[in-house]
Amino acid sequence: MTSTPDLGPVPRRIAVDAEQVRRLIAGQFPRWAGLPVRPVTHGGWDNFTFHLGEGMVARLPSAAEYALAVEK
């Protein structure tokens, strides 16, 4: 018996890039469509994080399983 808890299967991570974020922003928030989008160097594991302009960030889950924690 091991003391390591069973966390279930490893989530299947998806790819997210700056161009995809630009398209999502343009479609959902057209007033921000012209802002530059740059990936955050160390954005974490559960989310991909991008700078949106100078004062905002966009965070997208890196796997479907992590989407459930977005509201936290």
C-alpha atoms as a PDB file:
ATOM      1  CA  MET A   1       0.000   0.000   0.000  1.00  0.00           C
ATOM      2  CA  THR A   2       1.292   3.463  -0.873  1.00  0.00           C
ATOM      3  CA  SER A   3       0.709   6.713   0.984  1.00  0.00           C
ATOM      4  CA  THR A   4       0.285   8.608  -2.310  1.00  0.00           C
ATOM      5  CA  PRO A   5      -3.397   9.397  -2.916  1.00  0.00           C
ATOM      6  CA  ASP A   6      -5.007   8.312  -6.188  1.00  0.00           C
ATOM      7  CA  LEU A   7      -5.698  11.544  -8.053  1.00  0.00           C
ATOM      8  CA  GLY A   8      -7.193   9.828 -11.068  1.00  0.00           C
ATOM      9  CA  PRO A   9      -5.974  10.082 -14.638  1.00  0.00           C
ATOM     10  CA  VAL A  10      -3.637  12.876 -15.659  1.00  0.00           C
ATOM     11  CA  PRO A  11      -5.632  15.642 -17.391  1.00  0.00           C
ATOM     12  CA  ARG A  12      -5.177  15.830 -21.156  1.00  0.00           C
ATOM     13  CA  ARG A  13      -3.637  19.259 -21.662  1.00  0.00           C
ATOM     14  CA  ILE A  14      -4.593  21.408 -24.640  1.00  0.00           C
ATOM     15  CA  ALA A  15      -2.536  23.985 -26.517  1.00  0.00           C
ATOM     16  CA  VAL A  16      -3.405  27.674 -26.288  1.00  0.00           C
ATOM     17  CA  ASP A  17      -1.456  30.388 -28.085  1.00  0.00           C
ATOM     18  CA  ALA A  18      -1.583  34.175 -28.364  1.00  0.00           C
ATOM     19  CA  GLU A  19      -3.367  34.105 -31.732  1.00  0.00           C
ATOM     20  CA  GLN A  20      -6.157  31.987 -30.283  1.00  0.00           C
ATOM     21  CA  VAL A  21      -6.491  34.434 -27.372  1.00  0.00           C
ATOM     22  CA  ARG A  22      -6.640  37.359 -29.847  1.00  0.00           C
ATOM     23  CA  ARG A  23      -9.504  35.675 -31.717  1.00  0.00           C
ATOM     24  CA  LEU A  24     -11.401  34.948 -28.497  1.00  0.00           C
ATOM     25  CA  ILE A  25     -10.963  38.531 -27.265  1.00  0.00           C
ATOM     26  CA  ALA A  26     -12.044  39.974 -30.630  1.00  0.00           C
ATOM     27  CA  GLY A  27     -15.156  37.796 -30.668  1.00  0.00           C
ATOM     28  CA  GLN A  28     -16.207  38.326 -27.058  1.00  0.00           C
ATOM     29  CA  PHE A  29     -14.760  41.737 -26.157  1.00  0.00           C
ATOM     30  CA  PRO A  30     -14.423  43.729 -29.406  1.00  0.00           C
ATOM     31  CA  ARG A  31     -13.458  46.935 -27.576  1.00  0.00           C
ATOM     32  CA  TRP A  32     -10.211  45.214 -26.493  1.00  0.00           C
ATOM     33  CA  ALA A  33      -9.483  43.553 -29.856  1.00  0.00           C
ATOM     34  CA  GLY A  34      -6.625  45.929 -30.648  1.00  0.00           C
ATOM     35  CA  LEU A  35      -4.724  45.358 -27.403  1.00  0.00           C
ATOM     36  CA  PRO A  36      -1.472  43.407 -27.605  1.00  0.00           C
ATOM     37  CA  VAL A  37      -1.533  39.827 -26.310  1.00  0.00           C
ATOM     38  CA  ARG A  38       1.691  38.386 -24.854  1.00  0.00           C
ATOM     39  CA  PRO A  39       2.127  35.098 -23.001  1.00  0.00           C
ATOM     40  CA  VAL A  40       3.200  35.260 -19.354  1.00  0.00           C
ATOM     41  CA  THR A  41       6.535  33.459 -19.082  1.00  0.00           C
ATOM     42  CA  HIS A  42       5.647  31.338 -16.039  1.00  0.00           C
ATOM     43  CA  GLY A  43       1.856  31.323 -16.150  1.00  0.00           C
ATOM     44  CA  GLY A  44       1.260  28.234 -14.063  1.00  0.00           C
ATOM     45  CA  TRP A  45       0.111  24.677 -14.704  1.00  0.00           C
ATOM     46  CA  ASP A  46      -3.687  24.825 -14.532  1.00  0.00           C
ATOM     47  CA  ASN A  47      -4.018  27.870 -16.779  1.00  0.00           C
ATOM     48  CA  PHE A  48      -2.312  29.581 -19.674  1.00  0.00           C
ATOM     49  CA  THR A  49      -1.967  33.259 -18.792  1.00  0.00           C
ATOM     50  CA  PHE A  50      -1.528  36.119 -21.248  1.00  0.00           C
ATOM     51  CA  HIS A  51      -0.967  39.849 -20.761  1.00  0.00           C
ATOM     52  CA  LEU A  52      -3.794  41.764 -22.428  1.00  0.00           C
ATOM     53  CA  GLY A  53      -2.591  45.296 -22.972  1.00  0.00           C
ATOM     54  CA  GLU A  54      -0.755  46.868 -20.048  1.00  0.00           C
ATOM     55  CA  GLY A  55      -3.275  46.316 -17.261  1.00  0.00           C
ATOM     56  CA  MET A  56      -5.194  43.083 -17.817  1.00  0.00           C
ATOM     57  CA  VAL A  57      -4.597  39.359 -18.132  1.00  0.00           C
ATOM     58  CA  ALA A  58      -6.481  36.556 -19.847  1.00  0.00           C
ATOM     59  CA  ARG A  59      -6.386  33.106 -18.254  1.00  0.00           C
ATOM     60  CA  LEU A  60      -7.506  29.989 -20.079  1.00  0.00           C
ATOM     61  CA  PRO A  61      -7.602  26.491 -18.564  1.00  0.00           C
ATOM     62  CA  SER A  62      -4.893  24.167 -19.865  1.00  0.00           C
ATOM     63  CA  ALA A  63      -7.203  21.108 -19.657  1.00  0.00           C
ATOM     64  CA  ALA A  64     -10.950  20.569 -19.529  1.00  0.00           C
ATOM     65  CA  GLU A  65     -10.666  19.305 -15.944  1.00  0.00           C
ATOM     66  CA  TYR A  66      -9.170  22.634 -14.865  1.00  0.00           C
ATOM     67  CA  ALA A  67     -12.074  24.638 -16.297  1.00  0.00           C
ATOM     68  CA  LEU A  68     -14.121  23.650 -13.253  1.00  0.00           C
ATOM     69  CA  ALA A  69     -11.789  25.694 -11.014  1.00  0.00           C
ATOM     70  CA  VAL A  70     -11.976  28.922 -13.050  1.00  0.00           C
ATOM     71  CA  GLU A  71     -14.650  30.493 -10.850  1.00  0.00           C
ATOM     72  CA  LYS A  72     -12.418  30.110  -7.781  1.00  0.00           C
END
